[in-house]
C-alpha cells in the first residue's frame, strides 16, 4: 500500500507541475498574440500548426484519458486563436488592503 501511495503522490505532483506550466504557457501565448507585432503573427502560426497536429491526433485510436487531454488541448488552442485577450498578471501584491500590480 505504501508503494501505491508513493506512486499516486508522484503522479499528483507531476499533474500539479504540468498545470502550473500550462498556466504560464497560456499567459505567454496570450501576451504574444495581443502584442500586435511579428511575435503575434508567429505565435498565431504556431498555434494553427498545433491545431492541425491535434486534429490529426484526435483521429487516431486513443484511450479515454488521452482523448480527454487531446480534447482539452484542442479547446485551449481554439480559445487562444478565436478569443485572445491580454494576459492577466501572474500574481498580485496586496499592501494594506489595496491591490497593486
N, C-alpha and C. Protein backbone atom coordinates (compact mmCIF):
# COMPACT_ATOMS: atom_id res chain seq x y z
N UNK A 1 0.82 -1.19 0.00
CA UNK A 1 0.00 0.00 0.00
C UNK A 1 0.86 1.26 0.00
N UNK A 2 2.03 1.21 0.64
CA UNK A 2 2.91 2.37 0.66
C UNK A 2 3.41 2.68 -0.75
N UNK A 3 3.71 1.64 -1.52
CA UNK A 3 4.17 1.86 -2.89
C UNK A 3 3.10 2.54 -3.73
N UNK A 4 1.85 2.12 -3.56
CA UNK A 4 0.76 2.74 -4.30
C UNK A 4 0.61 4.21 -3.92
N UNK A 5 0.71 4.50 -2.63
CA UNK A 5 0.62 5.90 -2.19
C UNK A 5 1.77 6.73 -2.74
N UNK A 6 2.96 6.15 -2.80
CA UNK A 6 4.11 6.87 -3.34
C UNK A 6 3.90 7.17 -4.82
N UNK A 7 3.39 6.20 -5.56
CA UNK A 7 3.13 6.40 -6.99
C UNK A 7 2.06 7.47 -7.19
N UNK A 8 0.99 7.41 -6.40
CA UNK A 8 -0.08 8.41 -6.52
C UNK A 8 0.42 9.80 -6.17
N UNK A 9 1.27 9.90 -5.15
CA UNK A 9 1.83 11.20 -4.79
C UNK A 9 2.70 11.76 -5.91
N UNK A 10 3.50 10.90 -6.53
CA UNK A 10 4.34 11.35 -7.66
C UNK A 10 3.49 11.83 -8.82
N UNK A 11 2.45 11.07 -9.14
CA UNK A 11 1.56 11.46 -10.24
C UNK A 11 0.86 12.78 -9.94
N UNK A 12 0.42 12.94 -8.70
CA UNK A 12 -0.25 14.17 -8.31
C UNK A 12 0.70 15.36 -8.42
N UNK A 13 1.95 15.18 -7.97
CA UNK A 13 2.95 16.24 -8.08
C UNK A 13 3.20 16.60 -9.54
N UNK A 14 3.29 15.61 -10.40
CA UNK A 14 3.52 15.87 -11.83
C UNK A 14 2.35 16.62 -12.45
N UNK A 15 1.14 16.21 -12.09
CA UNK A 15 -0.04 16.90 -12.63
C UNK A 15 -0.09 18.35 -12.18
N UNK A 16 0.23 18.60 -10.91
CA UNK A 16 0.23 19.98 -10.41
C UNK A 16 1.29 20.81 -11.13
N UNK A 17 2.46 20.23 -11.36
CA UNK A 17 3.52 20.94 -12.07
C UNK A 17 3.10 21.23 -13.51
N UNK A 18 2.47 20.25 -14.16
CA UNK A 18 2.01 20.45 -15.53
C UNK A 18 0.93 21.53 -15.61
N UNK A 19 0.03 21.55 -14.63
CA UNK A 19 -1.00 22.59 -14.60
C UNK A 19 -0.37 23.97 -14.47
N UNK A 20 0.62 24.08 -13.62
CA UNK A 20 1.31 25.36 -13.46
C UNK A 20 2.01 25.78 -14.72
N UNK A 21 2.70 24.84 -15.37
CA UNK A 21 3.39 25.15 -16.62
C UNK A 21 2.39 25.55 -17.71
N UNK A 22 1.26 24.87 -17.76
CA UNK A 22 0.24 25.20 -18.75
C UNK A 22 -0.29 26.61 -18.52
N UNK A 23 -0.51 26.99 -17.27
CA UNK A 23 -1.00 28.32 -16.94
C UNK A 23 -0.01 29.38 -17.44
N UNK A 24 1.27 29.15 -17.19
CA UNK A 24 2.30 30.10 -17.61
C UNK A 24 2.37 30.16 -19.14
N UNK A 25 2.35 29.00 -19.80
CA UNK A 25 2.43 28.98 -21.26
C UNK A 25 1.22 29.66 -21.90
N UNK A 26 0.05 29.45 -21.31
CA UNK A 26 -1.16 30.11 -21.84
C UNK A 26 -1.04 31.62 -21.69
N UNK A 27 -0.53 32.07 -20.56
CA UNK A 27 -0.34 33.51 -20.34
C UNK A 27 0.66 34.09 -21.33
N UNK A 28 1.75 33.36 -21.59
CA UNK A 28 2.75 33.83 -22.56
C UNK A 28 2.13 33.88 -23.96
N UNK A 29 1.36 32.86 -24.32
CA UNK A 29 0.71 32.85 -25.63
C UNK A 29 -0.26 34.01 -25.76
N UNK A 30 -1.03 34.30 -24.72
CA UNK A 30 -1.96 35.43 -24.78
C UNK A 30 -1.20 36.74 -24.94
N UNK A 31 -0.13 36.89 -24.18
CA UNK A 31 0.65 38.12 -24.28
C UNK A 31 1.24 38.27 -25.68
N UNK A 32 1.72 37.17 -26.24
CA UNK A 32 2.30 37.21 -27.60
C UNK A 32 1.23 37.52 -28.64
N UNK A 33 0.07 36.90 -28.51
CA UNK A 33 -1.00 37.10 -29.50
C UNK A 33 -1.54 38.52 -29.50
N UNK A 34 -1.54 39.16 -28.36
CA UNK A 34 -2.11 40.51 -28.27
C UNK A 34 -1.06 41.60 -28.38
N UNK A 35 0.19 41.22 -28.67
CA UNK A 35 1.26 42.21 -28.76
C UNK A 35 1.14 43.08 -30.01
N UNK A 36 0.57 42.54 -31.08
CA UNK A 36 0.39 43.32 -32.29
C UNK A 36 1.67 43.52 -33.10
N UNK A 37 2.64 42.65 -32.97
CA UNK A 37 3.87 42.76 -33.74
C UNK A 37 4.14 41.44 -34.44
N UNK A 38 5.38 41.24 -34.92
CA UNK A 38 5.69 40.00 -35.63
C UNK A 38 5.61 38.78 -34.73
N UNK A 39 5.78 38.98 -33.42
CA UNK A 39 5.64 37.86 -32.49
C UNK A 39 4.21 37.33 -32.47
N UNK A 40 3.25 38.23 -32.61
CA UNK A 40 1.85 37.83 -32.63
C UNK A 40 1.57 36.95 -33.85
N UNK A 41 2.09 37.35 -35.00
CA UNK A 41 1.88 36.56 -36.22
C UNK A 41 2.55 35.20 -36.10
N UNK A 42 3.75 35.17 -35.55
CA UNK A 42 4.49 33.91 -35.39
C UNK A 42 3.76 32.99 -34.41
N UNK A 43 3.27 33.55 -33.31
CA UNK A 43 2.54 32.75 -32.32
C UNK A 43 1.26 32.19 -32.92
N UNK A 44 0.57 33.01 -33.71
CA UNK A 44 -0.67 32.54 -34.37
C UNK A 44 -0.37 31.38 -35.30
N UNK A 45 0.71 31.47 -36.08
CA UNK A 45 1.07 30.38 -36.99
C UNK A 45 1.42 29.11 -36.21
N UNK A 46 2.13 29.27 -35.10
CA UNK A 46 2.46 28.10 -34.27
C UNK A 46 1.20 27.45 -33.71
N UNK A 47 0.26 28.26 -33.26
CA UNK A 47 -0.99 27.72 -32.72
C UNK A 47 -1.82 27.05 -33.80
N UNK A 48 -1.82 27.61 -35.00
CA UNK A 48 -2.54 26.98 -36.11
C UNK A 48 -1.92 25.63 -36.46
N UNK A 49 -0.60 25.55 -36.41
CA UNK A 49 0.09 24.27 -36.63
C UNK A 49 -0.24 23.27 -35.54
N UNK A 50 -0.29 23.74 -34.30
CA UNK A 50 -0.65 22.86 -33.18
C UNK A 50 -2.08 22.35 -33.34
N UNK A 51 -2.96 23.22 -33.83
CA UNK A 51 -4.36 22.81 -34.03
C UNK A 51 -4.46 21.69 -35.07
N UNK A 52 -3.69 21.81 -36.15
CA UNK A 52 -3.69 20.75 -37.17
C UNK A 52 -3.13 19.44 -36.61
N UNK A 53 -2.04 19.54 -35.86
CA UNK A 53 -1.44 18.33 -35.28
C UNK A 53 -2.39 17.67 -34.29
N UNK A 54 -3.07 18.48 -33.49
CA UNK A 54 -4.02 17.92 -32.53
C UNK A 54 -5.22 17.30 -33.23
N UNK A 55 -5.68 17.91 -34.33
CA UNK A 55 -6.80 17.33 -35.09
C UNK A 55 -6.40 15.97 -35.65
N UNK A 56 -5.17 15.86 -36.15
CA UNK A 56 -4.68 14.56 -36.64
C UNK A 56 -4.62 13.55 -35.50
N UNK A 57 -4.13 13.99 -34.35
CA UNK A 57 -4.01 13.10 -33.19
C UNK A 57 -5.39 12.62 -32.73
N UNK A 58 -6.38 13.51 -32.80
CA UNK A 58 -7.73 13.16 -32.35
C UNK A 58 -8.36 12.07 -33.21
N UNK A 59 -7.91 11.93 -34.45
CA UNK A 59 -8.48 10.92 -35.34
C UNK A 59 -7.88 9.54 -35.13
N UNK A 60 -6.77 9.47 -34.41
CA UNK A 60 -6.14 8.18 -34.12
C UNK A 60 -6.92 7.46 -33.02
N UNK A 61 -6.82 6.14 -32.96
CA UNK A 61 -7.47 5.43 -31.85
C UNK A 61 -6.71 5.71 -30.54
N UNK A 62 -7.38 6.35 -29.61
CA UNK A 62 -6.77 6.75 -28.34
C UNK A 62 -7.55 6.17 -27.17
N UNK A 63 -6.86 5.97 -26.05
CA UNK A 63 -7.59 5.56 -24.85
C UNK A 63 -8.35 6.77 -24.32
N UNK A 64 -9.27 6.53 -23.41
CA UNK A 64 -10.18 7.60 -22.98
C UNK A 64 -9.44 8.75 -22.29
N UNK A 65 -8.43 8.46 -21.49
CA UNK A 65 -7.69 9.53 -20.80
C UNK A 65 -6.96 10.41 -21.80
N UNK A 66 -6.32 9.80 -22.79
CA UNK A 66 -5.59 10.58 -23.80
C UNK A 66 -6.56 11.39 -24.64
N UNK A 67 -7.74 10.82 -24.94
CA UNK A 67 -8.76 11.56 -25.69
C UNK A 67 -9.16 12.83 -24.95
N UNK A 68 -9.30 12.72 -23.63
CA UNK A 68 -9.66 13.89 -22.83
C UNK A 68 -8.58 14.96 -22.90
N UNK A 69 -7.31 14.55 -22.81
CA UNK A 69 -6.22 15.51 -22.88
C UNK A 69 -6.15 16.17 -24.25
N UNK A 70 -6.34 15.40 -25.30
CA UNK A 70 -6.31 15.95 -26.66
C UNK A 70 -7.48 16.91 -26.85
N UNK A 71 -8.65 16.55 -26.36
CA UNK A 71 -9.82 17.43 -26.46
C UNK A 71 -9.60 18.73 -25.70
N UNK A 72 -9.01 18.63 -24.51
CA UNK A 72 -8.73 19.83 -23.72
C UNK A 72 -7.71 20.72 -24.43
N UNK A 73 -6.70 20.10 -25.03
CA UNK A 73 -5.69 20.88 -25.76
C UNK A 73 -6.30 21.57 -26.97
N UNK A 74 -7.17 20.87 -27.69
CA UNK A 74 -7.85 21.47 -28.85
C UNK A 74 -8.70 22.66 -28.39
N UNK A 75 -9.41 22.50 -27.30
CA UNK A 75 -10.25 23.59 -26.78
C UNK A 75 -9.40 24.80 -26.39
N UNK A 76 -8.24 24.55 -25.76
CA UNK A 76 -7.38 25.65 -25.35
C UNK A 76 -6.83 26.39 -26.57
N UNK A 77 -6.38 25.64 -27.58
CA UNK A 77 -5.84 26.27 -28.80
C UNK A 77 -6.95 27.05 -29.50
N UNK A 78 -8.14 26.49 -29.58
CA UNK A 78 -9.27 27.21 -30.20
C UNK A 78 -9.56 28.50 -29.46
N UNK A 79 -9.56 28.43 -28.12
CA UNK A 79 -9.81 29.62 -27.31
C UNK A 79 -8.76 30.70 -27.58
N UNK A 80 -7.50 30.29 -27.64
CA UNK A 80 -6.43 31.25 -27.89
C UNK A 80 -6.53 31.86 -29.28
N UNK A 81 -6.90 31.07 -30.27
CA UNK A 81 -6.98 31.58 -31.64
C UNK A 81 -8.21 32.45 -31.86
N UNK A 82 -9.33 32.06 -31.27
CA UNK A 82 -10.59 32.76 -31.54
C UNK A 82 -10.81 33.96 -30.63
N UNK A 83 -10.40 33.84 -29.38
CA UNK A 83 -10.67 34.91 -28.41
C UNK A 83 -9.41 35.26 -27.61
N UNK A 84 -8.36 35.71 -28.29
CA UNK A 84 -7.19 36.08 -27.50
C UNK A 84 -7.49 37.33 -26.69
N UNK A 85 -7.09 37.32 -25.46
CA UNK A 85 -7.23 38.51 -24.63
C UNK A 85 -5.91 38.71 -23.90
N UNK A 86 -5.71 39.88 -23.43
CA UNK A 86 -4.44 40.16 -22.78
C UNK A 86 -4.27 39.27 -21.56
N UNK A 87 -3.05 38.88 -21.33
CA UNK A 87 -2.76 38.01 -20.19
C UNK A 87 -2.97 38.77 -18.89
N UNK A 88 -3.53 38.08 -17.92
CA UNK A 88 -3.69 38.65 -16.59
C UNK A 88 -2.36 38.56 -15.87
N UNK A 89 -2.13 39.42 -14.88
CA UNK A 89 -0.88 39.30 -14.13
C UNK A 89 -0.81 37.95 -13.44
N UNK A 90 0.40 37.40 -13.33
CA UNK A 90 0.55 36.09 -12.72
C UNK A 90 0.27 36.11 -11.23
N UNK A 91 0.47 37.25 -10.59
CA UNK A 91 0.17 37.36 -9.16
C UNK A 91 -0.10 38.82 -8.83
N UNK A 92 -0.71 39.04 -7.69
CA UNK A 92 -1.00 40.39 -7.22
C UNK A 92 -0.37 40.56 -5.84
N UNK A 93 0.15 41.72 -5.61
CA UNK A 93 0.70 42.04 -4.30
C UNK A 93 -0.32 42.91 -3.59
N UNK A 94 -0.70 42.50 -2.40
CA UNK A 94 -1.68 43.25 -1.64
C UNK A 94 -0.95 43.97 -0.51
N UNK A 95 -1.11 45.29 -0.49
CA UNK A 95 -0.43 46.11 0.51
C UNK A 95 -1.47 46.94 1.23
N UNK A 96 -1.72 46.61 2.48
CA UNK A 96 -2.68 47.37 3.27
C UNK A 96 -4.09 47.35 2.73
N UNK A 97 -4.46 46.22 2.10
CA UNK A 97 -5.82 46.10 1.58
C UNK A 97 -5.99 46.65 0.18
N UNK A 98 -4.96 47.24 -0.40
CA UNK A 98 -5.04 47.78 -1.76
C UNK A 98 -4.21 46.91 -2.68
N UNK A 99 -4.79 46.47 -3.76
CA UNK A 99 -4.07 45.62 -4.71
C UNK A 99 -3.22 46.50 -5.60
N UNK A 100 -1.97 46.11 -5.78
CA UNK A 100 -1.08 46.81 -6.70
C UNK A 100 -0.54 45.78 -7.68
N UNK A 101 -0.28 46.24 -8.89
CA UNK A 101 0.22 45.33 -9.92
C UNK A 101 1.52 45.81 -10.47
